[in-house]
Amino acid sequence: MAVDARLVKSASKPLGKDKLKERKEEEERGTNKTSKFQRDLESDWTVRKDEPICGMKEHAAIDVESGLVLSTHVSRTSEHDTVYFPYVVAKGLHGKDVPCWRR
């Protein structure tokens, strides 16, 4: 079994501090316009190779021999990979006693 994580970029980006301040001021004045697109509230920021990335992180356990994906889990990008490592491995090992492709 191989376990790895990859970054998945979000389609929308969270508002910066200056934009949040603008929105609050607009709400107080009653001039807040509703946006056409909804924000991805579960996405988070991380930095990879000196580039900020907003999105999610997908953790996957893969069977090395067959290449089949055994289990996956999605988390925020700011959370460390080791938090979800045991979960993905345990979920991937569930029912692995007699794989169907070796019968």
PDB file of N, CA and C in Angstrom:
ATOM      1  N   MET A   1       0.841  -1.173   0.000  1.00  0.00           N
ATOM      2  CA  MET A   1       0.000   0.000   0.000  1.00  0.00           C
ATOM      3  C   MET A   1       0.889   1.240   0.000  1.00  0.00           C
ATOM      4  N   ALA A   2       0.529   2.212  -0.818  1.00  0.00           N
ATOM      5  CA  ALA A   2       1.205   3.507  -0.837  1.00  0.00           C
ATOM      6  C   ALA A   2       0.197   4.561  -0.399  1.00  0.00           C
ATOM      7  N   VAL A   3       0.648   5.516   0.407  1.00  0.00           N
ATOM      8  CA  VAL A   3      -0.221   6.589   0.893  1.00  0.00           C
ATOM      9  C   VAL A   3       0.414   7.917   0.517  1.00  0.00           C
ATOM     10  N   ASP A   4      -0.393   8.812  -0.034  1.00  0.00           N
ATOM     11  CA  ASP A   4       0.118  10.118  -0.427  1.00  0.00           C
ATOM     12  C   ASP A   4      -1.012  11.142  -0.355  1.00  0.00           C
ATOM     13  N   ALA A   5      -0.652  12.412  -0.448  1.00  0.00           N
ATOM     14  CA  ALA A   5      -1.635  13.492  -0.453  1.00  0.00           C
ATOM     15  C   ALA A   5      -1.325  14.425  -1.615  1.00  0.00           C
ATOM     16  N   ARG A   6      -2.382  15.026  -2.165  1.00  0.00           N
ATOM     17  CA  ARG A   6      -2.188  15.992  -3.244  1.00  0.00           C
ATOM     18  C   ARG A   6      -3.064  17.202  -2.970  1.00  0.00           C
ATOM     19  N   LEU A   7      -2.634  18.342  -3.491  1.00  0.00           N
ATOM     20  CA  LEU A   7      -3.397  19.577  -3.330  1.00  0.00           C
ATOM     21  C   LEU A   7      -4.379  19.716  -4.479  1.00  0.00           C
ATOM     22  N   VAL A   8      -5.591  20.126  -4.146  1.00  0.00           N
ATOM     23  CA  VAL A   8      -6.637  20.369  -5.138  1.00  0.00           C
ATOM     24  C   VAL A   8      -7.020  21.841  -5.012  1.00  0.00           C
ATOM     25  N   LYS A   9      -6.749  22.627  -6.051  1.00  0.00           N
ATOM     26  CA  LYS A   9      -7.044  24.056  -6.002  1.00  0.00           C
ATOM     27  C   LYS A   9      -8.543  24.299  -5.989  1.00  0.00           C
ATOM     28  N   SER A  10      -8.935  25.296  -5.233  1.00  0.00           N
ATOM     29  CA  SER A  10     -10.338  25.669  -5.129  1.00  0.00           C
ATOM     30  C   SER A  10     -10.744  26.527  -6.327  1.00  0.00           C
ATOM     31  N   ALA A  11     -12.002  26.414  -6.734  1.00  0.00           N
ATOM     32  CA  ALA A  11     -12.506  27.228  -7.840  1.00  0.00           C
ATOM     33  C   ALA A  11     -12.667  28.678  -7.398  1.00  0.00           C
ATOM     34  N   SER A  12     -12.969  28.899  -6.128  1.00  0.00           N
ATOM     35  CA  SER A  12     -13.106  30.264  -5.612  1.00  0.00           C
ATOM     36  C   SER A  12     -12.062  30.493  -4.534  1.00  0.00           C
ATOM     37  N   LYS A  13     -11.711  31.736  -4.332  1.00  0.00           N
ATOM     38  CA  LYS A  13     -10.714  32.074  -3.328  1.00  0.00           C
ATOM     39  C   LYS A  13     -11.397  32.807  -2.173  1.00  0.00           C
ATOM     40  N   PRO A  14     -10.946  32.577  -0.934  1.00  0.00           N
ATOM     41  CA  PRO A  14     -11.548  33.291   0.192  1.00  0.00           C
ATOM     42  C   PRO A  14     -11.211  34.776   0.120  1.00  0.00           C
ATOM     43  N   LEU A  15     -12.031  35.573   0.756  1.00  0.00           N
ATOM     44  CA  LEU A  15     -11.814  37.012   0.766  1.00  0.00           C
ATOM     45  C   LEU A  15     -10.630  37.370   1.659  1.00  0.00           C
ATOM     46  N   GLY A  16      -9.838  38.342   1.214  1.00  0.00           N
ATOM     47  CA  GLY A  16      -8.738  38.843   2.018  1.00  0.00           C
ATOM     48  C   GLY A  16      -9.262  39.755   3.113  1.00  0.00           C
ATOM     49  N   LYS A  17      -8.375  40.202   4.015  1.00  0.00           N
ATOM     50  CA  LYS A  17      -8.782  41.044   5.132  1.00  0.00           C
ATOM     51  C   LYS A  17      -9.391  42.353   4.656  1.00  0.00           C
ATOM     52  N   ASP A  18      -8.804  42.954   3.604  1.00  0.00           N
ATOM     53  CA  ASP A  18      -9.329  44.223   3.111  1.00  0.00           C
ATOM     54  C   ASP A  18     -10.723  44.058   2.498  1.00  0.00           C
ATOM     55  N   LYS A  19     -10.960  42.953   1.791  1.00  0.00           N
ATOM     56  CA  LYS A  19     -12.276  42.695   1.206  1.00  0.00           C
ATOM     57  C   LYS A  19     -13.312  42.409   2.291  1.00  0.00           C
ATOM     58  N   LEU A  20     -12.911  41.689   3.348  1.00  0.00           N
ATOM     59  CA  LEU A  20     -13.834  41.427   4.451  1.00  0.00           C
ATOM     60  C   LEU A  20     -14.256  42.731   5.120  1.00  0.00           C
ATOM     61  N   LYS A  21     -13.293  43.644   5.272  1.00  0.00           N
ATOM     62  CA  LYS A  21     -13.582  44.940   5.873  1.00  0.00           C
ATOM     63  C   LYS A  21     -14.570  45.719   4.995  1.00  0.00           C
ATOM     64  N   GLU A  22     -14.338  45.683   3.671  1.00  0.00           N
ATOM     65  CA  GLU A  22     -15.249  46.343   2.722  1.00  0.00           C
ATOM     66  C   GLU A  22     -16.660  45.786   2.843  1.00  0.00           C
ATOM     67  N   ARG A  23     -16.776  44.450   2.885  1.00  0.00           N
ATOM     68  CA  ARG A  23     -18.086  43.801   2.988  1.00  0.00           C
ATOM     69  C   ARG A  23     -18.809  44.209   4.272  1.00  0.00           C
ATOM     70  N   LYS A  24     -18.091  44.273   5.394  1.00  0.00           N
ATOM     71  CA  LYS A  24     -18.709  44.665   6.658  1.00  0.00           C
ATOM     72  C   LYS A  24     -19.227  46.096   6.583  1.00  0.00           C
ATOM     73  N   GLU A  25     -18.417  46.966   5.969  1.00  0.00           N
ATOM     74  CA  GLU A  25     -18.843  48.362   5.814  1.00  0.00           C
ATOM     75  C   GLU A  25     -20.080  48.456   4.927  1.00  0.00           C
ATOM     76  N   GLU A  26     -20.116  47.664   3.858  1.00  0.00           N
ATOM     77  CA  GLU A  26     -21.267  47.652   2.957  1.00  0.00           C
ATOM     78  C   GLU A  26     -22.513  47.150   3.682  1.00  0.00           C
ATOM     79  N   GLU A  27     -22.349  46.114   4.515  1.00  0.00           N
ATOM     80  CA  GLU A  27     -23.476  45.585   5.273  1.00  0.00           C
ATOM     81  C   GLU A  27     -24.019  46.627   6.256  1.00  0.00           C
ATOM     82  N   GLU A  28     -23.107  47.366   6.898  1.00  0.00           N
ATOM     83  CA  GLU A  28     -23.530  48.399   7.842  1.00  0.00           C
ATOM     84  C   GLU A  28     -24.301  49.515   7.142  1.00  0.00           C
ATOM     85  N   ARG A  29     -23.864  49.875   5.923  1.00  0.00           N
ATOM     86  CA  ARG A  29     -24.542  50.927   5.156  1.00  0.00           C
ATOM     87  C   ARG A  29     -25.788  50.406   4.454  1.00  0.00           C
ATOM     88  N   GLY A  30     -25.898  49.081   4.340  1.00  0.00           N
ATOM     89  CA  GLY A  30     -27.038  48.487   3.645  1.00  0.00           C
ATOM     90  C   GLY A  30     -26.875  48.477   2.138  1.00  0.00           C
ATOM     91  N   THR A  31     -25.639  48.581   1.659  1.00  0.00           N
ATOM     92  CA  THR A  31     -25.381  48.588   0.214  1.00  0.00           C
ATOM     93  C   THR A  31     -24.697  47.306  -0.248  1.00  0.00           C
ATOM     94  N   ASN A  32     -24.777  46.270   0.550  1.00  0.00           N
ATOM     95  CA  ASN A  32     -24.109  45.007   0.222  1.00  0.00           C
ATOM     96  C   ASN A  32     -24.813  44.324  -0.947  1.00  0.00           C
ATOM     97  N   LYS A  33     -24.076  44.042  -2.002  1.00  0.00           N
ATOM     98  CA  LYS A  33     -24.623  43.330  -3.158  1.00  0.00           C
ATOM     99  C   LYS A  33     -24.352  41.837  -2.976  1.00  0.00           C
ATOM    100  N   THR A  34     -25.319  41.019  -3.296  1.00  0.00           N
ATOM    101  CA  THR A  34     -25.098  39.576  -3.198  1.00  0.00           C
ATOM    102  C   THR A  34     -24.238  39.138  -4.372  1.00  0.00           C
ATOM    103  N   SER A  35     -23.289  38.281  -4.116  1.00  0.00           N
ATOM    104  CA  SER A  35     -22.407  37.821  -5.178  1.00  0.00           C
ATOM    105  C   SER A  35     -23.058  36.680  -5.956  1.00  0.00           C
ATOM    106  N   LYS A  36     -22.640  36.528  -7.203  1.00  0.00           N
ATOM    107  CA  LYS A  36     -23.202  35.484  -8.061  1.00  0.00           C
ATOM    108  C   LYS A  36     -22.695  34.099  -7.670  1.00  0.00           C
ATOM    109  N   PHE A  37     -21.476  34.045  -7.165  1.00  0.00           N
ATOM    110  CA  PHE A  37     -20.866  32.766  -6.844  1.00  0.00           C
ATOM    111  C   PHE A  37     -20.699  32.640  -5.341  1.00  0.00           C
ATOM    112  N   GLN A  38     -20.926  31.441  -4.848  1.00  0.00           N
ATOM    113  CA  GLN A  38     -20.789  31.188  -3.426  1.00  0.00           C
ATOM    114  C   GLN A  38     -19.328  30.881  -3.101  1.00  0.00           C
ATOM    115  N   ARG A  39     -18.878  31.321  -1.971  1.00  0.00           N
ATOM    116  CA  ARG A  39     -17.502  31.076  -1.541  1.00  0.00           C
ATOM    117  C   ARG A  39     -17.352  29.652  -1.016  1.00  0.00           C
ATOM    118  N   ASP A  40     -16.184  29.085  -1.234  1.00  0.00           N
ATOM    119  CA  ASP A  40     -15.854  27.767  -0.718  1.00  0.00           C
ATOM    120  C   ASP A  40     -15.347  27.961   0.707  1.00  0.00           C
ATOM    121  N   LEU A  41     -16.213  27.743   1.686  1.00  0.00           N
ATOM    122  CA  LEU A  41     -15.874  28.035   3.074  1.00  0.00           C
ATOM    123  C   LEU A  41     -14.936  27.009   3.693  1.00  0.00           C
ATOM    124  N   GLU A  42     -14.840  25.818   3.121  1.00  0.00           N
ATOM    125  CA  GLU A  42     -13.995  24.777   3.692  1.00  0.00           C
ATOM    126  C   GLU A  42     -12.563  24.832   3.173  1.00  0.00           C
ATOM    127  N   SER A  43     -12.324  25.585   2.111  1.00  0.00           N
ATOM    128  CA  SER A  43     -10.971  25.715   1.574  1.00  0.00           C
ATOM    129  C   SER A  43     -10.106  26.514   2.531  1.00  0.00           C
ATOM    130  N   ASP A  44      -8.815  26.315   2.397  1.00  0.00           N
ATOM    131  CA  ASP A  44      -7.868  27.006   3.253  1.00  0.00           C
ATOM    132  C   ASP A  44      -6.596  27.268   2.458  1.00  0.00           C
ATOM    133  N   TRP A  45      -5.705  28.075   3.030  1.00  0.00           N
ATOM    134  CA  TRP A  45      -4.468  28.455   2.351  1.00  0.00           C
ATOM    135  C   TRP A  45      -3.290  27.631   2.831  1.00  0.00           C
ATOM    136  N   THR A  46      -2.350  27.384   1.927  1.00  0.00           N
ATOM    137  CA  THR A  46      -1.056  26.817   2.256  1.00  0.00           C
ATOM    138  C   THR A  46      -0.054  27.376   1.258  1.00  0.00           C
ATOM    139  N   VAL A  47       1.222  27.181   1.511  1.00  0.00           N
ATOM    140  CA  VAL A  47       2.262  27.647   0.604  1.00  0.00           C
ATOM    141  C   VAL A  47       3.062  26.441   0.144  1.00  0.00           C
ATOM    142  N   ARG A  48       3.219  26.313  -1.176  1.00  0.00           N
ATOM    143  CA  ARG A  48       3.996  25.211  -1.749  1.00  0.00           C
ATOM    144  C   ARG A  48       4.927  25.799  -2.800  1.00  0.00           C
ATOM    145  N   LYS A  49       6.225  25.555  -2.637  1.00  0.00           N
ATOM    146  CA  LYS A  49       7.248  26.101  -3.531  1.00  0.00           C
ATOM    147  C   LYS A  49       7.114  27.611  -3.660  1.00  0.00           C
ATOM    148  N   ASP A  50       6.966  28.286  -2.526  1.00  0.00           N
ATOM    149  CA  ASP A  50       6.836  29.747  -2.434  1.00  0.00           C
ATOM    150  C   ASP A  50       5.622  30.293  -3.171  1.00  0.00           C
ATOM    151  N   GLU A  51       4.610  29.475  -3.422  1.00  0.00           N
ATOM    152  CA  GLU A  51       3.392  29.921  -4.091  1.00  0.00           C
ATOM    153  C   GLU A  51       2.194  29.647  -3.177  1.00  0.00           C
ATOM    154  N   PRO A  52       1.409  30.678  -2.828  1.00  0.00           N
ATOM    155  CA  PRO A  52       0.220  30.438  -2.002  1.00  0.00           C
ATOM    156  C   PRO A  52      -0.853  29.709  -2.811  1.00  0.00           C
ATOM    157  N   ILE A  53      -1.457  28.691  -2.195  1.00  0.00           N
ATOM    158  CA  ILE A  53      -2.483  27.890  -2.853  1.00  0.00           C
ATOM    159  C   ILE A  53      -3.702  27.822  -1.939  1.00  0.00           C
ATOM    160  N   CYS A  54      -4.860  28.090  -2.511  1.00  0.00           N
ATOM    161  CA  CYS A  54      -6.118  27.977  -1.776  1.00  0.00           C
ATOM    162  C   CYS A  54      -6.837  26.737  -2.282  1.00  0.00           C
ATOM    163  N   GLY A  55      -7.255  25.858  -1.381  1.00  0.00           N
ATOM    164  CA  GLY A  55      -7.967  24.665  -1.810  1.00  0.00           C
ATOM    165  C   GLY A  55      -8.082  23.633  -0.717  1.00  0.00           C
ATOM    166  N   MET A  56      -8.122  22.388  -1.149  1.00  0.00           N
ATOM    167  CA  MET A  56      -8.269  21.245  -0.246  1.00  0.00           C
ATOM    168  C   MET A  56      -7.109  20.280  -0.488  1.00  0.00           C
ATOM    169  N   LYS A  57      -6.976  19.314   0.410  1.00  0.00           N
ATOM    170  CA  LYS A  57      -5.941  18.295   0.282  1.00  0.00           C
ATOM    171  C   LYS A  57      -6.627  16.931   0.243  1.00  0.00           C
ATOM    172  N   GLU A  58      -6.280  16.116  -0.766  1.00  0.00           N
ATOM    173  CA  GLU A  58      -6.855  14.777  -0.888  1.00  0.00           C
ATOM    174  C   GLU A  58      -5.806  13.749  -0.474  1.00  0.00           C
ATOM    175  N   HIS A  59      -6.146  12.928   0.510  1.00  0.00           N
ATOM    176  CA  HIS A  59      -5.274  11.860   0.991  1.00  0.00           C
ATOM    177  C   HIS A  59      -5.770  10.556   0.365  1.00  0.00           C
ATOM    178  N   ALA A  60      -4.849   9.737  -0.138  1.00  0.00           N
ATOM    179  CA  ALA A  60      -5.263   8.498  -0.795  1.00  0.00           C
ATOM    180  C   ALA A  60      -4.343   7.351  -0.413  1.00  0.00           C
ATOM    181  N   ALA A  61      -4.942   6.155  -0.264  1.00  0.00           N
ATOM    182  CA  ALA A  61      -4.204   4.912  -0.074  1.00  0.00           C
ATOM    183  C   ALA A  61      -4.411   4.080  -1.335  1.00  0.00           C
ATOM    184  N   ILE A  62      -3.304   3.614  -1.940  1.00  0.00           N
ATOM    185  CA  ILE A  62      -3.358   2.918  -3.225  1.00  0.00           C
ATOM    186  C   ILE A  62      -2.661   1.570  -3.107  1.00  0.00           C
ATOM    187  N   ASP A  63      -3.265   0.543  -3.688  1.00  0.00           N
ATOM    188  CA  ASP A  63      -2.647  -0.775  -3.741  1.00  0.00           C
ATOM    189  C   ASP A  63      -1.525  -0.722  -4.781  1.00  0.00           C
ATOM    190  N   VAL A  64      -0.308  -0.993  -4.348  1.00  0.00           N
ATOM    191  CA  VAL A  64       0.858  -0.870  -5.220  1.00  0.00           C
ATOM    192  C   VAL A  64       0.831  -1.896  -6.351  1.00  0.00           C
ATOM    193  N   GLU A  65       0.371  -3.105  -6.077  1.00  0.00           N
ATOM    194  CA  GLU A  65       0.377  -4.167  -7.088  1.00  0.00           C
ATOM    195  C   GLU A  65      -0.643  -3.925  -8.199  1.00  0.00           C
ATOM    196  N   SER A  66      -1.849  -3.535  -7.828  1.00  0.00           N
ATOM    197  CA  SER A  66      -2.906  -3.392  -8.834  1.00  0.00           C
ATOM    198  C   SER A  66      -3.124  -1.953  -9.289  1.00  0.00           C
ATOM    199  N   GLY A  67      -2.698  -0.976  -8.482  1.00  0.00           N
ATOM    200  CA  GLY A  67      -2.919   0.422  -8.820  1.00  0.00           C
ATOM    201  C   GLY A  67      -4.305   0.931  -8.451  1.00  0.00           C
ATOM    202  N   LEU A  68      -5.099   0.109  -7.761  1.00  0.00           N
ATOM    203  CA  LEU A  68      -6.442   0.509  -7.361  1.00  0.00           C
ATOM    204  C   LEU A  68      -6.398   1.435  -6.150  1.00  0.00           C
ATOM    205  N   VAL A  69      -7.279   2.408  -6.137  1.00  0.00           N
ATOM    206  CA  VAL A  69      -7.405   3.308  -4.992  1.00  0.00           C
ATOM    207  C   VAL A  69      -8.229   2.589  -3.926  1.00  0.00           C
ATOM    208  N   LEU A  70      -7.646   2.429  -2.748  1.00  0.00           N
ATOM    209  CA  LEU A  70      -8.307   1.705  -1.666  1.00  0.00           C
ATOM    210  C   LEU A  70      -9.178   2.623  -0.815  1.00  0.00           C
ATOM    211  N   SER A  71      -8.705   3.840  -0.560  1.00  0.00           N
ATOM    212  CA  SER A  71      -9.487   4.793   0.228  1.00  0.00           C
ATOM    213  C   SER A  71      -8.986   6.204  -0.023  1.00  0.00           C
ATOM    214  N   THR A  72      -9.871   7.173   0.188  1.00  0.00           N
ATOM    215  CA  THR A  72      -9.505   8.585   0.063  1.00  0.00           C
ATOM    216  C   THR A  72     -10.173   9.379   1.165  1.00  0.00           C
ATOM    217  N   HIS A  73      -9.627  10.549   1.432  1.00  0.00           N
ATOM    218  CA  HIS A  73     -10.211  11.484   2.391  1.00  0.00           C
ATOM    219  C   HIS A  73      -9.783  12.890   1.988  1.00  0.00           C
ATOM    220  N   VAL A  74     -10.674  13.856   2.138  1.00  0.00           N
ATOM    221  CA  VAL A  74     -10.382  15.243   1.780  1.00  0.00           C
ATOM    222  C   VAL A  74     -10.361  16.085   3.046  1.00  0.00           C
ATOM    223  N   SER A  75      -9.341  16.960   3.153  1.00  0.00           N
ATOM    224  CA  SER A  75      -9.208  17.829   4.315  1.00  0.00           C
ATOM    225  C   SER A  75      -8.769  19.222   3.862  1.00  0.00           C
ATOM    226  N   ARG A  76      -8.658  20.138   4.810  1.00  0.00           N
ATOM    227  CA  ARG A  76      -8.148  21.475   4.504  1.00  0.00           C
ATOM    228  C   ARG A  76      -6.658  21.391   4.198  1.00  0.00           C
ATOM    229  N   THR A  77      -6.169  22.311   3.380  1.00  0.00           N
ATOM    230  CA  THR A  77      -4.755  22.279   3.017  1.00  0.00           C
ATOM    231  C   THR A  77      -3.845  22.621   4.186  1.00  0.00           C
ATOM    232  N   SER A  78      -4.350  23.374   5.140  1.00  0.00           N
ATOM    233  CA  SER A  78      -3.507  23.795   6.262  1.00  0.00           C
ATOM    234  C   SER A  78      -3.275  22.669   7.276  1.00  0.00           C
ATOM    235  N   GLU A  79      -4.054  21.598   7.216  1.00  0.00           N
ATOM    236  CA  GLU A  79      -3.883  20.492   8.164  1.00  0.00           C
ATOM    237  C   GLU A  79      -2.760  19.565   7.703  1.00  0.00           C
ATOM    238  N   HIS A  80      -1.987  19.075   8.650  1.00  0.00           N
ATOM    239  CA  HIS A  80      -0.822  18.244   8.318  1.00  0.00           C
ATOM    240  C   HIS A  80      -1.245  16.853   7.850  1.00  0.00           C
ATOM    241  N   ASP A  81      -0.458  16.276   6.940  1.00  0.00           N
ATOM    242  CA  ASP A  81      -0.772  14.966   6.364  1.00  0.00           C
ATOM    243  C   ASP A  81      -0.843  13.852   7.404  1.00  0.00           C
ATOM    244  N   THR A  82      -0.007  13.931   8.431  1.00  0.00           N
ATOM    245  CA  THR A  82       0.055  12.847   9.413  1.00  0.00           C
ATOM    246  C   THR A  82      -1.228  12.703  10.222  1.00  0.00           C
ATOM    247  N   VAL A  83      -2.061  13.725  10.232  1.00  0.00           N
ATOM    248  CA  VAL A  83      -3.330  13.649  10.972  1.00  0.00           C
ATOM    249  C   VAL A  83      -4.241  12.600  10.325  1.00  0.00           C
ATOM    250  N   TYR A  84      -4.244  12.539   9.004  1.00  0.00           N
ATOM    251  CA  TYR A  84      -5.158  11.649   8.277  1.00  0.00           C
ATOM    252  C   TYR A  84      -4.500  10.355   7.799  1.00  0.00           C
ATOM    253  N   PHE A  85      -3.202  10.217   7.992  1.00  0.00           N
ATOM    254  CA  PHE A  85      -2.493   9.006   7.577  1.00  0.00           C
ATOM    255  C   PHE A  85      -3.086   7.743   8.201  1.00  0.00           C
ATOM    256  N   PRO A  86      -3.266   7.669   9.530  1.00  0.00           N
ATOM    257  CA  PRO A  86      -3.825   6.440  10.114  1.00  0.00           C
ATOM    258  C   PRO A  86      -5.245   6.145   9.629  1.00  0.00           C
ATOM    259  N   TYR A  87      -6.037   7.188   9.431  1.00  0.00           N
ATOM    260  CA  TYR A  87      -7.414   7.002   8.983  1.00  0.00           C
ATOM    261  C   TYR A  87      -7.464   6.390   7.586  1.00  0.00           C
ATOM    262  N   VAL A  88      -6.660   6.913   6.665  1.00  0.00           N
ATOM    263  CA  VAL A  88      -6.658   6.419   5.285  1.00  0.00           C
ATOM    264  C   VAL A  88      -6.118   4.992   5.225  1.00  0.00           C
ATOM    265  N   VAL A  89      -5.087   4.701   6.012  1.00  0.00           N
ATOM    266  CA  VAL A  89      -4.512   3.345   6.019  1.00  0.00           C
ATOM    267  C   VAL A  89      -5.518   2.345   6.590  1.00  0.00           C
ATOM    268  N   ALA A  90      -6.137   2.678   7.723  1.00  0.00           N
ATOM    269  CA  ALA A  90      -7.103   1.768   8.340  1.00  0.00           C
ATOM    270  C   ALA A  90      -8.291   1.522   7.412  1.00  0.00           C
ATOM    271  N   LYS A  91      -8.763   2.564   6.772  1.00  0.00           N
ATOM    272  CA  LYS A  91      -9.887   2.422   5.848  1.00  0.00           C
ATOM    273  C   LYS A  91      -9.478   1.596   4.623  1.00  0.00           C
ATOM    274  N   GLY A  92      -8.223   1.745   4.177  1.00  0.00           N
ATOM    275  CA  GLY A  92      -7.734   0.990   3.024  1.00  0.00           C
ATOM    276  C   GLY A  92      -7.512  -0.480   3.331  1.00  0.00           C
ATOM    277  N   LEU A  93      -7.160  -0.806   4.576  1.00  0.00           N
ATOM    278  CA  LEU A  93      -6.913  -2.195   4.964  1.00  0.00           C
ATOM    279  C   LEU A  93      -8.195  -2.956   5.271  1.00  0.00           C
ATOM    280  N   HIS A  94      -9.286  -2.261   5.492  1.00  0.00           N
ATOM    281  CA  HIS A  94     -10.552  -2.900   5.828  1.00  0.00           C
ATOM    282  C   HIS A  94     -10.980  -3.847   4.714  1.00  0.00           C
ATOM    283  N   GLY A  95     -11.144  -5.112   5.032  1.00  0.00           N
ATOM    284  CA  GLY A  95     -11.587  -6.099   4.049  1.00  0.00           C
ATOM    285  C   GLY A  95     -10.521  -6.544   3.085  1.00  0.00           C
ATOM    286  N   LYS A  96      -9.238  -6.365   3.431  1.00  0.00           N
ATOM    287  CA  LYS A  96      -8.155  -6.719   2.515  1.00  0.00           C
ATOM    288  C   LYS A  96      -7.664  -8.159   2.716  1.00  0.00           C
ATOM    289  N   ASP A  97      -8.360  -8.963   3.529  1.00  0.00           N
ATOM    290  CA  ASP A  97      -7.913 -10.331   3.795  1.00  0.00           C
ATOM    291  C   ASP A  97      -7.860 -11.163   2.518  1.00  0.00           C
ATOM    292  N   VAL A  98      -8.926 -11.149   1.723  1.00  0.00           N
ATOM    293  CA  VAL A  98      -8.969 -11.905   0.477  1.00  0.00           C
ATOM    294  C   VAL A  98      -9.425 -10.949  -0.626  1.00  0.00           C
ATOM    295  N   PRO A  99      -8.502 -10.280  -1.306  1.00  0.00           N
ATOM    296  CA  PRO A  99      -8.913  -9.368  -2.369  1.00  0.00           C
ATOM    297  C   PRO A  99      -9.615 -10.117  -3.500  1.00  0.00           C
ATOM    298  N   CYS A 100     -10.606  -9.488  -4.099  1.00  0.00           N
ATOM    299  CA  CYS A 100     -11.420 -10.146  -5.138  1.00  0.00           C
ATOM    300  C   CYS A 100     -10.603 -10.454  -6.390  1.00  0.00           C
ATOM    301  N   TRP A 101      -9.549  -9.723  -6.691  1.00  0.00           N
ATOM    302  CA  TRP A 101      -8.786  -9.965  -7.911  1.00  0.00           C
ATOM    303  C   TRP A 101      -7.779 -11.104  -7.768  1.00  0.00           C
ATOM    304  N   ARG A 102      -7.651 -11.690  -6.555  1.00  0.00           N
ATOM    305  CA  ARG A 102      -6.715 -12.800  -6.358  1.00  0.00           C
ATOM    306  C   ARG A 102      -7.439 -14.123  -6.130  1.00  0.00           C
ATOM    307  N   ARG A 103      -8.725 -14.166  -6.276  1.00  0.00           N
ATOM    308  CA  ARG A 103      -9.468 -15.404  -6.014  1.00  0.00           C
ATOM    309  C   ARG A 103      -9.314 -16.401  -7.129  1.00  0.00           C
TER     310      ARG A 103
END
